[in-house]
C-alpha atoms as a PDB file:
ATOM      1  CA  MET A   1      30.174   2.396  29.697  1.00  0.00           C
ATOM      2  CA  SER A   2      28.092   2.057  26.538  1.00  0.00           C
ATOM      3  CA  GLU A   3      26.088  -1.051  25.865  1.00  0.00           C
ATOM      4  CA  THR A   4      27.046  -3.316  22.933  1.00  0.00           C
ATOM      5  CA  ILE A   5      24.103  -4.953  21.190  1.00  0.00           C
ATOM      6  CA  ARG A   6      24.891  -7.939  18.990  1.00  0.00           C
ATOM      7  CA  CYS A   7      23.158  -9.161  15.851  1.00  0.00           C
ATOM      8  CA  ASP A   8      23.905 -11.312  12.835  1.00  0.00           C
ATOM      9  CA  ILE A   9      23.256  -8.709  10.124  1.00  0.00           C
ATOM     10  CA  ALA A  10      23.081  -4.943  10.460  1.00  0.00           C
ATOM     11  CA  VAL A  11      21.276  -3.038   7.719  1.00  0.00           C
ATOM     12  CA  ILE A  12      22.026   0.681   7.547  1.00  0.00           C
ATOM     13  CA  GLY A  13      19.055   2.410   5.944  1.00  0.00           C
ATOM     14  CA  GLY A  14      15.320   1.832   6.218  1.00  0.00           C
ATOM     15  CA  GLY A  15      14.212   2.587   2.666  1.00  0.00           C
ATOM     16  CA  PRO A  16      13.038   0.016   0.092  1.00  0.00           C
ATOM     17  CA  ALA A  17      16.559  -1.443  -0.305  1.00  0.00           C
ATOM     18  CA  GLY A  18      17.170  -1.785   3.418  1.00  0.00           C
ATOM     19  CA  LEU A  19      13.711  -3.173   4.123  1.00  0.00           C
ATOM     20  CA  ALA A  20      14.002  -5.756   1.341  1.00  0.00           C
ATOM     21  CA  ALA A  21      17.456  -6.761   2.614  1.00  0.00           C
ATOM     22  CA  GLY A  22      16.102  -7.062   6.146  1.00  0.00           C
ATOM     23  CA  LEU A  23      13.140  -9.106   4.930  1.00  0.00           C
ATOM     24  CA  TYR A  24      15.312 -11.667   3.142  1.00  0.00           C
ATOM     25  CA  ALA A  25      17.878 -11.867   5.932  1.00  0.00           C
ATOM     26  CA  ALA A  26      15.274 -12.241   8.682  1.00  0.00           C
ATOM     27  CA  ARG A  27      13.400 -14.930   6.735  1.00  0.00           C
ATOM     28  CA  GLY A  28      16.691 -16.800   6.633  1.00  0.00           C
ATOM     29  CA  GLY A  29      16.667 -17.066  10.402  1.00  0.00           C
ATOM     30  CA  MET A  30      19.161 -14.310  11.181  1.00  0.00           C
ATOM     31  CA  LYS A  31      18.877 -11.657  13.873  1.00  0.00           C
ATOM     32  CA  VAL A  32      18.599  -8.483  11.810  1.00  0.00           C
ATOM     33  CA  LEU A  33      18.691  -4.870  12.912  1.00  0.00           C
ATOM     34  CA  ILE A  34      17.652  -2.149  10.446  1.00  0.00           C
ATOM     35  CA  PHE A  35      18.953   1.300  11.340  1.00  0.00           C
ATOM     36  CA  GLU A  36      17.196   4.402  10.064  1.00  0.00           C
ATOM     37  CA  ARG A  37      17.973   8.009  10.952  1.00  0.00           C
ATOM     38  CA  GLN A  38      14.377   9.087  10.439  1.00  0.00           C
ATOM     39  CA  MET A  39      11.092   7.265   9.870  1.00  0.00           C
ATOM     40  CA  SER A  40      11.082   3.907   8.134  1.00  0.00           C
ATOM     41  CA  GLY A  41      10.339   3.829   4.411  1.00  0.00           C
ATOM     42  CA  GLY A  42      13.020   6.173   3.116  1.00  0.00           C
ATOM     43  CA  GLN A  43      12.414   8.893   0.559  1.00  0.00           C
ATOM     44  CA  ILE A  44       9.586   6.942  -1.043  1.00  0.00           C
ATOM     45  CA  VAL A  45       7.258   8.042   1.773  1.00  0.00           C
ATOM     46  CA  THR A  46       7.548  11.651   0.541  1.00  0.00           C
ATOM     47  CA  THR A  47       6.359  10.673  -2.955  1.00  0.00           C
ATOM     48  CA  ASP A  48       2.725  11.456  -3.648  1.00  0.00           C
ATOM     49  CA  TRP A  49       1.964   8.589  -6.020  1.00  0.00           C
ATOM     50  CA  VAL A  50       3.897   5.573  -7.356  1.00  0.00           C
ATOM     51  CA  GLU A  51       2.480   4.014 -10.509  1.00  0.00           C
ATOM     52  CA  ASN A  52       5.409   1.935 -11.788  1.00  0.00           C
ATOM     53  CA  TYR A  53       5.888  -0.505  -8.905  1.00  0.00           C
ATOM     54  CA  PRO A  54       4.689  -4.015  -9.846  1.00  0.00           C
ATOM     55  CA  ALA A  55       1.455  -5.433  -8.366  1.00  0.00           C
ATOM     56  CA  PHE A  56      -0.295  -2.054  -8.006  1.00  0.00           C
ATOM     57  CA  PRO A  57      -1.986  -1.460 -11.378  1.00  0.00           C
ATOM     58  CA  GLN A  58      -3.818   1.638 -10.130  1.00  0.00           C
ATOM     59  CA  GLY A  59      -0.743   2.962  -8.357  1.00  0.00           C
ATOM     60  CA  ILE A  60      -0.141   3.474  -4.641  1.00  0.00           C
ATOM     61  CA  SER A  61       0.920   6.383  -2.472  1.00  0.00           C
ATOM     62  CA  GLY A  62       4.569   6.427  -1.463  1.00  0.00           C
ATOM     63  CA  ALA A  63       3.595   6.511   2.222  1.00  0.00           C
ATOM     64  CA  ASP A  64       1.410   3.409   1.870  1.00  0.00           C
ATOM     65  CA  LEU A  65       4.074   1.536  -0.089  1.00  0.00           C
ATOM     66  CA  GLY A  66       6.705   2.348   2.539  1.00  0.00           C
ATOM     67  CA  ASP A  67       4.347   1.223   5.298  1.00  0.00           C
ATOM     68  CA  LEU A  68       3.638  -2.093   3.558  1.00  0.00           C
ATOM     69  CA  MET A  69       7.352  -2.762   3.082  1.00  0.00           C
ATOM     70  CA  THR A  70       8.045  -1.926   6.724  1.00  0.00           C
ATOM     71  CA  ARG A  71       5.282  -4.179   8.030  1.00  0.00           C
ATOM     72  CA  GLN A  72       6.435  -7.059   5.862  1.00  0.00           C
ATOM     73  CA  ALA A  73      10.061  -6.813   7.002  1.00  0.00           C
ATOM     74  CA  THR A  74       9.199  -6.523  10.681  1.00  0.00           C
ATOM     75  CA  GLY A  75       6.569  -9.223  10.324  1.00  0.00           C
ATOM     76  CA  GLN A  76       9.328 -11.622   9.304  1.00  0.00           C
ATOM     77  CA  GLY A  77      11.402 -10.741  12.363  1.00  0.00           C
ATOM     78  CA  ALA A  78      13.606  -7.831  11.320  1.00  0.00           C
ATOM     79  CA  GLU A  79      13.917  -5.223  14.090  1.00  0.00           C
ATOM     80  CA  LEU A  80      13.761  -1.508  13.321  1.00  0.00           C
ATOM     81  CA  VAL A  81      16.075   0.879  15.165  1.00  0.00           C
ATOM     82  CA  LEU A  82      14.696   4.322  14.337  1.00  0.00           C
ATOM     83  CA  PHE A  83      16.153   7.791  14.852  1.00  0.00           C
ATOM     84  CA  VAL A  84      19.635   6.362  15.316  1.00  0.00           C
ATOM     85  CA  ASN A  85      22.517   7.542  13.162  1.00  0.00           C
ATOM     86  CA  ILE A  86      25.366   5.093  12.614  1.00  0.00           C
ATOM     87  CA  THR A  87      28.532   7.188  12.668  1.00  0.00           C
ATOM     88  CA  SER A  88      31.213   4.589  11.896  1.00  0.00           C
ATOM     89  CA  VAL A  89      31.668   0.974  10.874  1.00  0.00           C
ATOM     90  CA  ARG A  90      34.969  -0.777  11.604  1.00  0.00           C
ATOM     91  CA  SER A  91      36.251  -4.276  12.175  1.00  0.00           C
ATOM     92  CA  ASN A  92      37.106  -5.281  15.725  1.00  0.00           C
ATOM     93  CA  LEU A  93      39.541  -7.752  17.227  1.00  0.00           C
ATOM     94  CA  ARG A  94      36.892 -10.495  17.152  1.00  0.00           C
ATOM     95  CA  GLY A  95      36.681 -10.383  13.357  1.00  0.00           C
ATOM     96  CA  GLN A  96      33.260  -8.792  13.386  1.00  0.00           C
ATOM     97  CA  TRP A  97      31.948  -5.340  12.554  1.00  0.00           C
ATOM     98  CA  LEU A  98      31.499  -2.712  15.237  1.00  0.00           C
ATOM     99  CA  LEU A  99      28.933   0.004  14.558  1.00  0.00           C
ATOM    100  CA  GLU A 100      29.177   3.210  16.547  1.00  0.00           C
ATOM    101  CA  SER A 101      26.103   5.433  16.806  1.00  0.00           C
ATOM    102  CA  ASP A 102      25.098   8.854  18.020  1.00  0.00           C
ATOM    103  CA  THR A 103      23.520   7.254  21.096  1.00  0.00           C
ATOM    104  CA  ASP A 104      25.010   5.507  24.114  1.00  0.00           C
ATOM    105  CA  ALA A 105      24.662   2.148  22.381  1.00  0.00           C
ATOM    106  CA  SER A 106      27.095   0.470  20.012  1.00  0.00           C
ATOM    107  CA  TYR A 107      26.392  -2.577  17.894  1.00  0.00           C
ATOM    108  CA  GLU A 108      28.280  -5.642  16.738  1.00  0.00           C
ATOM    109  CA  ALA A 109      27.356  -7.525  13.577  1.00  0.00           C
ATOM    110  CA  ARG A 110      28.742 -10.443  11.632  1.00  0.00           C
ATOM    111  CA  ALA A 111      27.786  -8.769   8.328  1.00  0.00           C
ATOM    112  CA  VAL A 112      26.706  -5.269   7.326  1.00  0.00           C
ATOM    113  CA  ILE A 113      24.505  -4.122   4.455  1.00  0.00           C
ATOM    114  CA  PHE A 114      24.823  -0.449   3.493  1.00  0.00           C
ATOM    115  CA  ALA A 115      21.525   0.874   2.149  1.00  0.00           C
ATOM    116  CA  SER A 116      21.824   4.525   3.122  1.00  0.00           C
ATOM    117  CA  GLY A 117      20.522   5.738  -0.241  1.00  0.00           C
ATOM    118  CA  ALA A 118      21.024   9.174  -1.712  1.00  0.00           C
ATOM    119  CA  VAL A 119      19.890  12.689  -0.854  1.00  0.00           C
ATOM    120  CA  PRO A 120      18.597  15.471  -3.130  1.00  0.00           C
ATOM    121  CA  ARG A 121      21.367  17.487  -4.739  1.00  0.00           C
ATOM    122  CA  LYS A 122      21.597  21.213  -4.118  1.00  0.00           C
ATOM    123  CA  LEU A 123      22.211  23.815  -6.800  1.00  0.00           C
ATOM    124  CA  GLY A 124      24.772  25.733  -4.761  1.00  0.00           C
ATOM    125  CA  ILE A 125      23.462  29.147  -5.792  1.00  0.00           C
ATOM    126  CA  PRO A 126      23.075  32.310  -3.689  1.00  0.00           C
ATOM    127  CA  GLY A 127      19.958  32.374  -1.534  1.00  0.00           C
ATOM    128  CA  GLU A 128      19.517  28.596  -1.529  1.00  0.00           C
ATOM    129  CA  ASP A 129      20.779  27.906   1.988  1.00  0.00           C
ATOM    130  CA  TYR A 130      19.374  31.114   3.450  1.00  0.00           C
ATOM    131  CA  TYR A 131      15.830  30.434   2.233  1.00  0.00           C
ATOM    132  CA  THR A 132      15.779  26.695   2.908  1.00  0.00           C
ATOM    133  CA  GLY A 133      12.570  26.114   4.837  1.00  0.00           C
ATOM    134  CA  ARG A 134      11.393  29.614   3.920  1.00  0.00           C
ATOM    135  CA  GLY A 135      10.513  28.970   0.305  1.00  0.00           C
ATOM    136  CA  VAL A 136      13.168  26.513  -0.898  1.00  0.00           C
ATOM    137  CA  SER A 137      12.226  22.834  -0.731  1.00  0.00           C
ATOM    138  CA  TRP A 138      13.145  19.416  -2.113  1.00  0.00           C
ATOM    139  CA  CYS A 139       9.811  17.754  -1.317  1.00  0.00           C
ATOM    140  CA  ALA A 140       6.580  18.779  -2.998  1.00  0.00           C
ATOM    141  CA  THR A 141       4.580  16.206  -1.045  1.00  0.00           C
ATOM    142  CA  CYS A 142       5.868  17.613   2.236  1.00  0.00           C
ATOM    143  CA  ASP A 143       5.485  21.316   1.458  1.00  0.00           C
ATOM    144  CA  GLY A 144       3.083  21.653  -1.460  1.00  0.00           C
ATOM    145  CA  ALA A 145       0.072  22.536   0.686  1.00  0.00           C
ATOM    146  CA  PHE A 146       1.880  25.667   1.915  1.00  0.00           C
ATOM    147  CA  TYR A 147       1.648  27.120  -1.611  1.00  0.00           C
ATOM    148  CA  ARG A 148      -2.092  27.025  -2.143  1.00  0.00           C
ATOM    149  CA  ASP A 149      -3.034  29.703  -4.697  1.00  0.00           C
ATOM    150  CA  LYS A 150       0.585  30.834  -4.958  1.00  0.00           C
ATOM    151  CA  THR A 151       3.222  30.674  -7.703  1.00  0.00           C
ATOM    152  CA  VAL A 152       6.157  28.258  -7.547  1.00  0.00           C
ATOM    153  CA  ALA A 153       9.091  27.185  -9.702  1.00  0.00           C
ATOM    154  CA  VAL A 154      10.306  23.617 -10.106  1.00  0.00           C
ATOM    155  CA  ILE A 155      13.902  23.224 -11.258  1.00  0.00           C
ATOM    156  CA  GLY A 156      14.821  20.050 -13.137  1.00  0.00           C
ATOM    157  CA  GLY A 157      14.005  17.990 -16.194  1.00  0.00           C
ATOM    158  CA  GLY A 158      13.730  14.377 -15.042  1.00  0.00           C
ATOM    159  CA  ASP A 159      10.821  12.210 -13.941  1.00  0.00           C
ATOM    160  CA  ALA A 160      10.914  13.518 -10.371  1.00  0.00           C
ATOM    161  CA  ALA A 161      10.836  17.160 -11.441  1.00  0.00           C
ATOM    162  CA  LEU A 162       7.818  16.811 -13.726  1.00  0.00           C
ATOM    163  CA  GLU A 163       5.928  14.450 -11.422  1.00  0.00           C
ATOM    164  CA  GLU A 164       6.387  16.820  -8.499  1.00  0.00           C
ATOM    165  CA  ALA A 165       5.441  19.789 -10.683  1.00  0.00           C
ATOM    166  CA  LEU A 166       2.202  18.037 -11.602  1.00  0.00           C
ATOM    167  CA  PHE A 167       1.543  17.353  -7.931  1.00  0.00           C
ATOM    168  CA  LEU A 168       2.069  21.018  -7.108  1.00  0.00           C
ATOM    169  CA  THR A 169      -0.657  22.017  -9.575  1.00  0.00           C
ATOM    170  CA  LYS A 170      -3.125  20.644  -7.015  1.00  0.00           C
ATOM    171  CA  PHE A 171      -2.274  23.599  -4.794  1.00  0.00           C
ATOM    172  CA  ALA A 172      -0.427  26.350  -6.646  1.00  0.00           C
ATOM    173  CA  ARG A 173      -1.999  28.920  -8.932  1.00  0.00           C
ATOM    174  CA  LYS A 174       0.968  28.671 -11.315  1.00  0.00           C
ATOM    175  CA  VAL A 175       3.875  26.224 -11.628  1.00  0.00           C
ATOM    176  CA  TYR A 176       6.932  27.040 -13.738  1.00  0.00           C
ATOM    177  CA  VAL A 177       9.241  24.180 -14.734  1.00  0.00           C
ATOM    178  CA  VAL A 178      12.727  25.574 -15.256  1.00  0.00           C
ATOM    179  CA  HIS A 179      15.091  23.368 -17.256  1.00  0.00           C
ATOM    180  CA  ARG A 180      18.525  24.158 -18.630  1.00  0.00           C
ATOM    181  CA  ARG A 181      17.965  22.172 -21.827  1.00  0.00           C
ATOM    182  CA  CYS A 182      15.351  22.159 -24.557  1.00  0.00           C
ATOM    183  CA  GLU A 183      14.394  18.530 -24.065  1.00  0.00           C
ATOM    184  CA  PHE A 184      13.426  16.690 -20.913  1.00  0.00           C
ATOM    185  CA  ARG A 185      15.017  13.543 -19.542  1.00  0.00           C
ATOM    186  CA  ALA A 186      11.665  12.468 -18.130  1.00  0.00           C
ATOM    187  CA  ALA A 187       9.613   9.665 -19.675  1.00  0.00           C
ATOM    188  CA  ALA A 188       7.544  10.781 -22.653  1.00  0.00           C
ATOM    189  CA  ILE A 189       4.222  10.033 -20.948  1.00  0.00           C
ATOM    190  CA  ILE A 190       5.122  12.290 -18.005  1.00  0.00           C
ATOM    191  CA  VAL A 191       6.218  15.091 -20.346  1.00  0.00           C
ATOM    192  CA  GLN A 192       2.900  14.847 -22.188  1.00  0.00           C
ATOM    193  CA  ARG A 193       0.940  15.092 -18.937  1.00  0.00           C
ATOM    194  CA  ALA A 194       2.938  18.141 -17.891  1.00  0.00           C
ATOM    195  CA  ALA A 195       2.453  19.762 -21.291  1.00  0.00           C
ATOM    196  CA  ALA A 196      -1.312  19.314 -21.012  1.00  0.00           C
ATOM    197  CA  ALA A 197      -1.570  20.804 -17.504  1.00  0.00           C
ATOM    198  CA  ASP A 198      -3.221  24.239 -17.588  1.00  0.00           C
ATOM    199  CA  LYS A 199      -1.385  25.604 -14.542  1.00  0.00           C
ATOM    200  CA  LEU A 200       2.049  24.484 -15.698  1.00  0.00           C
ATOM    201  CA  GLU A 201       4.457  26.420 -17.913  1.00  0.00           C
ATOM    202  CA  PHE A 202       7.827  25.313 -19.285  1.00  0.00           C
ATOM    203  CA  VAL A 203      10.780  27.702 -19.013  1.00  0.00           C
ATOM    204  CA  LEU A 204      13.417  25.972 -21.132  1.00  0.00           C
ATOM    205  CA  SER A 205      17.044  26.793 -21.868  1.00  0.00           C
ATOM    206  CA  SER A 206      17.278  28.608 -18.539  1.00  0.00           C
ATOM    207  CA  VAL A 207      19.659  28.170 -15.633  1.00  0.00           C
ATOM    208  CA  ALA A 208      18.855  29.260 -12.081  1.00  0.00           C
ATOM    209  CA  ARG A 209      21.361  31.898 -10.996  1.00  0.00           C
ATOM    210  CA  GLU A 210      20.009  33.087  -7.618  1.00  0.00           C
ATOM    211  CA  ILE A 211      17.048  32.630  -5.322  1.00  0.00           C
ATOM    212  CA  LEU A 212      15.651  36.024  -4.429  1.00  0.00           C
ATOM    213  CA  GLY A 213      13.816  37.062  -1.285  1.00  0.00           C
ATOM    214  CA  ASP A 214      12.889  39.860   1.072  1.00  0.00           C
ATOM    215  CA  GLY A 215      14.866  38.499   4.013  1.00  0.00           C
ATOM    216  CA  THR A 216      12.061  36.336   5.374  1.00  0.00           C
ATOM    217  CA  ARG A 217      10.677  34.493   2.363  1.00  0.00           C
ATOM    218  CA  VAL A 218      11.324  33.737  -1.309  1.00  0.00           C
ATOM    219  CA  THR A 219      10.053  36.329  -3.761  1.00  0.00           C
ATOM    220  CA  GLY A 220      11.673  35.316  -7.043  1.00  0.00           C
ATOM    221  CA  LEU A 221      14.118  33.272  -9.070  1.00  0.00           C
ATOM    222  CA  ALA A 222      16.847  34.892 -11.178  1.00  0.00           C
ATOM    223  CA  LEU A 223      17.665  33.028 -14.400  1.00  0.00           C
ATOM    224  CA  ASP A 224      20.428  32.992 -16.969  1.00  0.00           C
ATOM    225  CA  ASP A 225      19.804  32.195 -20.613  1.00  0.00           C
ATOM    226  CA  ALA A 226      21.487  28.872 -21.395  1.00  0.00           C
ATOM    227  CA  ARG A 227      22.052  30.034 -24.983  1.00  0.00           C
ATOM    228  CA  THR A 228      20.195  27.079 -26.425  1.00  0.00           C
ATOM    229  CA  ASP A 229      17.781  27.526 -29.326  1.00  0.00           C
ATOM    230  CA  CYS A 230      14.540  25.927 -28.210  1.00  0.00           C
ATOM    231  CA  SER A 231      12.537  25.751 -31.408  1.00  0.00           C
ATOM    232  CA  PRO A 232       8.913  24.587 -31.273  1.00  0.00           C
ATOM    233  CA  ASN A 233      10.030  21.181 -32.515  1.00  0.00           C
ATOM    234  CA  HIS A 234      11.685  20.578 -29.161  1.00  0.00           C
ATOM    235  CA  LEU A 235       8.351  20.727 -27.378  1.00  0.00           C
ATOM    236  CA  PRO A 236       6.142  17.621 -27.047  1.00  0.00           C
ATOM    237  CA  ARG A 237       3.832  17.035 -29.995  1.00  0.00           C
ATOM    238  CA  HIS A 238       0.781  17.553 -27.815  1.00  0.00           C
ATOM    239  CA  SER A 239       2.185  20.900 -26.668  1.00  0.00           C
ATOM    240  CA  ARG A 240       2.757  22.153 -30.201  1.00  0.00           C
ATOM    241  CA  GLU A 241      -0.775  21.253 -31.223  1.00  0.00           C
ATOM    242  CA  SER A 242      -2.461  22.679 -28.145  1.00  0.00           C
ATOM    243  CA  GLY A 243      -1.603  26.259 -29.047  1.00  0.00           C
ATOM    244  CA  ASN A 244      -1.020  27.062 -25.389  1.00  0.00           C
ATOM    245  CA  PRO A 245       1.216  30.169 -25.374  1.00  0.00           C
ATOM    246  CA  ALA A 246       2.452  29.255 -21.900  1.00  0.00           C
ATOM    247  CA  LEU A 247       4.509  26.476 -23.456  1.00  0.00           C
ATOM    248  CA  SER A 248       6.655  28.835 -25.533  1.00  0.00           C
ATOM    249  CA  SER A 249      10.186  29.090 -24.170  1.00  0.00           C
ATOM    250  CA  THR A 250      11.820  31.300 -26.773  1.00  0.00           C
ATOM    251  CA  GLU A 251      11.371  34.502 -24.794  1.00  0.00           C
ATOM    252  CA  GLU A 252      14.305  35.383 -22.540  1.00  0.00           C
ATOM    253  CA  ILE A 253      13.129  35.389 -18.935  1.00  0.00           C
ATOM    254  CA  HIS A 254      15.557  36.859 -16.453  1.00  0.00           C
ATOM    255  CA  THR A 255      13.444  36.860 -13.299  1.00  0.00           C
ATOM    256  CA  LEU A 256      10.429  34.839 -12.259  1.00  0.00           C
ATOM    257  CA  ALA A 257       8.262  36.196  -9.471  1.00  0.00           C
ATOM    258  CA  VAL A 258       7.595  33.112  -7.341  1.00  0.00           C
ATOM    259  CA  ASP A 259       6.680  32.307  -3.752  1.00  0.00           C
ATOM    260  CA  GLY A 260       8.601  29.047  -3.639  1.00  0.00           C
ATOM    261  CA  VAL A 261      11.339  27.065  -5.378  1.00  0.00           C
ATOM    262  CA  PHE A 262      11.411  23.264  -5.540  1.00  0.00           C
ATOM    263  CA  GLU A 263      14.663  21.647  -6.662  1.00  0.00           C
ATOM    264  CA  PHE A 264      14.859  18.244  -8.374  1.00  0.00           C
ATOM    265  CA  VAL A 265      18.255  18.140 -10.092  1.00  0.00           C
ATOM    266  CA  GLY A 266      19.503  14.714  -9.067  1.00  0.00           C
ATOM    267  CA  VAL A 267      20.814  13.042  -5.939  1.00  0.00           C
ATOM    268  CA  ASP A 268      24.120  12.463  -4.177  1.00  0.00           C
ATOM    269  CA  PRO A 269      24.929   9.136  -2.470  1.00  0.00           C
ATOM    270  CA  VAL A 270      25.105   9.009   1.324  1.00  0.00           C
ATOM    271  CA  ASN A 271      28.536   7.362   1.398  1.00  0.00           C
ATOM    272  CA  GLU A 272      30.325   8.725   4.470  1.00  0.00           C
ATOM    273  CA  LEU A 273      30.494   5.316   6.128  1.00  0.00           C
ATOM    274  CA  LEU A 274      32.318   3.873   3.105  1.00  0.00           C
ATOM    275  CA  ALA A 275      35.142   6.405   3.172  1.00  0.00           C
ATOM    276  CA  GLY A 276      38.506   4.653   3.187  1.00  0.00           C
ATOM    277  CA  LEU A 277      37.197   1.304   1.959  1.00  0.00           C
ATOM    278  CA  ASP A 278      38.284   1.878  -1.665  1.00  0.00           C
ATOM    279  CA  ALA A 279      34.868   0.797  -2.896  1.00  0.00           C
ATOM    280  CA  LEU A 280      33.489   3.983  -4.432  1.00  0.00           C
ATOM    281  CA  THR A 281      33.218   5.207  -7.999  1.00  0.00           C
ATOM    282  CA  SER A 282      34.602   8.584  -9.023  1.00  0.00           C
ATOM    283  CA  THR A 283      31.114  10.032  -8.440  1.00  0.00           C
ATOM    284  CA  GLY A 284      30.844   8.528  -4.965  1.00  0.00           C
ATOM    285  CA  TYR A 285      28.573   5.543  -5.541  1.00  0.00           C
ATOM    286  CA  ALA A 286      29.325   2.146  -4.000  1.00  0.00           C
ATOM    287  CA  LEU A 287      30.896  -0.447  -6.269  1.00  0.00           C
ATOM    288  CA  VAL A 288      29.445  -3.902  -5.752  1.00  0.00           C
ATOM    289  CA  ASN A 289      30.121  -7.342  -7.135  1.00  0.00           C
ATOM    290  CA  ALA A 290      27.455  -9.432  -8.829  1.00  0.00           C
ATOM    291  CA  ASP A 291      26.293 -10.733  -5.442  1.00  0.00           C
ATOM    292  CA  GLY A 292      25.954  -7.282  -3.899  1.00  0.00           C
ATOM    293  CA  SER A 293      29.152  -7.471  -1.855  1.00  0.00           C
ATOM    294  CA  LEU A 294      31.393  -4.406  -1.793  1.00  0.00           C
ATOM    295  CA  ALA A 295      33.955  -4.578  -4.585  1.00  0.00           C
ATOM    296  CA  GLY A 296      36.910  -3.630  -2.430  1.00  0.00           C
ATOM    297  CA  ALA A 297      39.896  -5.326  -0.827  1.00  0.00           C
ATOM    298  CA  ASP A 298      39.780  -8.198   1.659  1.00  0.00           C
ATOM    299  CA  SER A 299      38.941  -5.634   4.329  1.00  0.00           C
ATOM    300  CA  CYS A 300      35.434  -5.522   2.833  1.00  0.00           C
ATOM    301  CA  ASP A 301      34.609  -9.149   3.658  1.00  0.00           C
ATOM    302  CA  GLY A 302      31.137  -9.278   5.122  1.00  0.00           C
ATOM    303  CA  LEU A 303      30.142  -5.872   3.744  1.00  0.00           C
ATOM    304  CA  PHE A 304      27.357  -5.442   1.184  1.00  0.00           C
ATOM    305  CA  ALA A 305      25.560  -2.494  -0.412  1.00  0.00           C
ATOM    306  CA  ALA A 306      22.184  -2.000  -2.078  1.00  0.00           C
ATOM    307  CA  GLY A 307      19.814   0.585  -3.454  1.00  0.00           C
ATOM    308  CA  ASP A 308      20.473   4.141  -4.582  1.00  0.00           C
ATOM    309  CA  LEU A 309      23.833   4.117  -2.825  1.00  0.00           C
ATOM    310  CA  THR A 310      25.200   1.721  -5.452  1.00  0.00           C
ATOM    311  CA  ALA A 311      26.402   2.485  -8.953  1.00  0.00           C
ATOM    312  CA  GLY A 312      23.818   1.806 -11.637  1.00  0.00           C
ATOM    313  CA  PRO A 313      21.838   3.490 -14.401  1.00  0.00           C
ATOM    314  CA  LEU A 314      18.370   3.260 -12.829  1.00  0.00           C
ATOM    315  CA  LYS A 315      17.337   4.651  -9.430  1.00  0.00           C
ATOM    316  CA  GLN A 316      13.819   3.369  -8.815  1.00  0.00           C
ATOM    317  CA  VAL A 317      11.938   1.705  -5.956  1.00  0.00           C
ATOM    318  CA  VAL A 318      11.802  -1.593  -7.845  1.00  0.00           C
ATOM    319  CA  THR A 319      15.574  -1.674  -8.477  1.00  0.00           C
ATOM    320  CA  ALA A 320      16.310  -0.648  -4.885  1.00  0.00           C
ATOM    321  CA  ALA A 321      14.132  -3.466  -3.556  1.00  0.00           C
ATOM    322  CA  ALA A 322      15.688  -5.983  -5.942  1.00  0.00           C
ATOM    323  CA  SER A 323      19.250  -5.077  -4.997  1.00  0.00           C
ATOM    324  CA  GLY A 324      18.273  -5.168  -1.316  1.00  0.00           C
ATOM    325  CA  ALA A 325      16.888  -8.662  -1.718  1.00  0.00           C
ATOM    326  CA  LEU A 326      20.130  -9.736  -3.405  1.00  0.00           C
ATOM    327  CA  ALA A 327      22.271  -8.220  -0.648  1.00  0.00           C
ATOM    328  CA  GLY A 328      20.164  -9.851   2.068  1.00  0.00           C
ATOM    329  CA  PHE A 329      20.374 -13.245   0.388  1.00  0.00           C
ATOM    330  CA  SER A 330      24.110 -12.896  -0.237  1.00  0.00           C
ATOM    331  CA  ALA A 331      24.724 -11.923   3.377  1.00  0.00           C
ATOM    332  CA  LEU A 332      22.967 -15.115   4.411  1.00  0.00           C
ATOM    333  CA  GLN A 333      25.179 -17.148   2.093  1.00  0.00           C
ATOM    334  CA  TYR A 334      28.265 -15.395   3.429  1.00  0.00           C
ATOM    335  CA  LEU A 335      27.431 -16.233   7.032  1.00  0.00           C
ATOM    336  CA  ALA A 336      26.640 -19.816   6.089  1.00  0.00           C
END
C-alpha cells in the first residue's frame, strides 16, 4: 500500500514561480512541498546569462540565479521533492487535494499551486523528431559546446532566439538566424547586438521546411521563401551602416548546410493536470483571478496557478517570481 504524505500547500513546479510561491508559503508557517520533475530552478538554469532581473546590475548566470532562489526557498522551510512527476490532482472525501505521483508515494494537501511552466514549442517538420539529440536542440547553453568550429542555424525571432544565437557564437564558426518575417520581435538592443556579431548572419523571410541529415546527424536545413519583401530598411540601422554583406536577406536560400539546428519559436504550457477544470484559455494557459486562484468553478477552491503556465503577455523570470509570490500569499490567506 502506498504511503500518503500530508502537507499544507503543494507546489507543482520548481522554477522561479514555484520557488517564490514556496518561499512565501513557508515563511507564513505552512508545511510546503515543492515538486519538480527534474532539477530545481526550472528552465532558467539552462539560460547562459540573465541581465534583466532586478538587483543584479552586471547580470547573473541562469544557473546561479536558480540556485539562489532554491536556497532561499528551502532556507525558509520549503521542502523540495525532486525527480517526482505528479500525474493527477483530485479532491478526496476529506475535502482536500490528493496528488498521485509516478512513485509509490501519494500526497495530500490543503491547497495546491500549479507552477509547471511551459516547454519549448516544436516546429513539427520532417526530420525534427528523428534528429532530436543528434543535431536538433532547444537549449544552446546545454548543447552549444558540441558545435565548436561548426555551423548552426537558430530558428526564431524573439529575445530567446537572438540571445541564444549570440551565445552560440562563442563556439560555432557560423550562426544563421532564420526568421519567417522581416522584422524581429526581440528587443531592439538585442537585435543590434546580433547585427553587430561577425559570426552571425540573418536569413529573413524564410520558413524551415525540413531538417536534413545523413541518418546519424544533421547536415542541413531546407527552407521555403516566405514571400516577404525584406528591403534594407527592415534591417537594424546599425546593420545597414555596417556594410556587412552577411546581413542581406534578399537572396533566396533554399538549403543551408549546417551541423545543428536550435529552435526557439515559443513555448506551450504544461497544463495536463488542469484538464477538466474549465480553467484554461483557448491556447491552453491557466486562467487566474486577481489573487492567483484558478478562475474556474467551485471545484477549483484551494487551487492556484503562477508563472509561465498562466495567461499573460510577458513570460519573464521577474513576472514568474512575482506571480508565484502572489499565489503563495493567496494560498496562505485561503487556508487562514
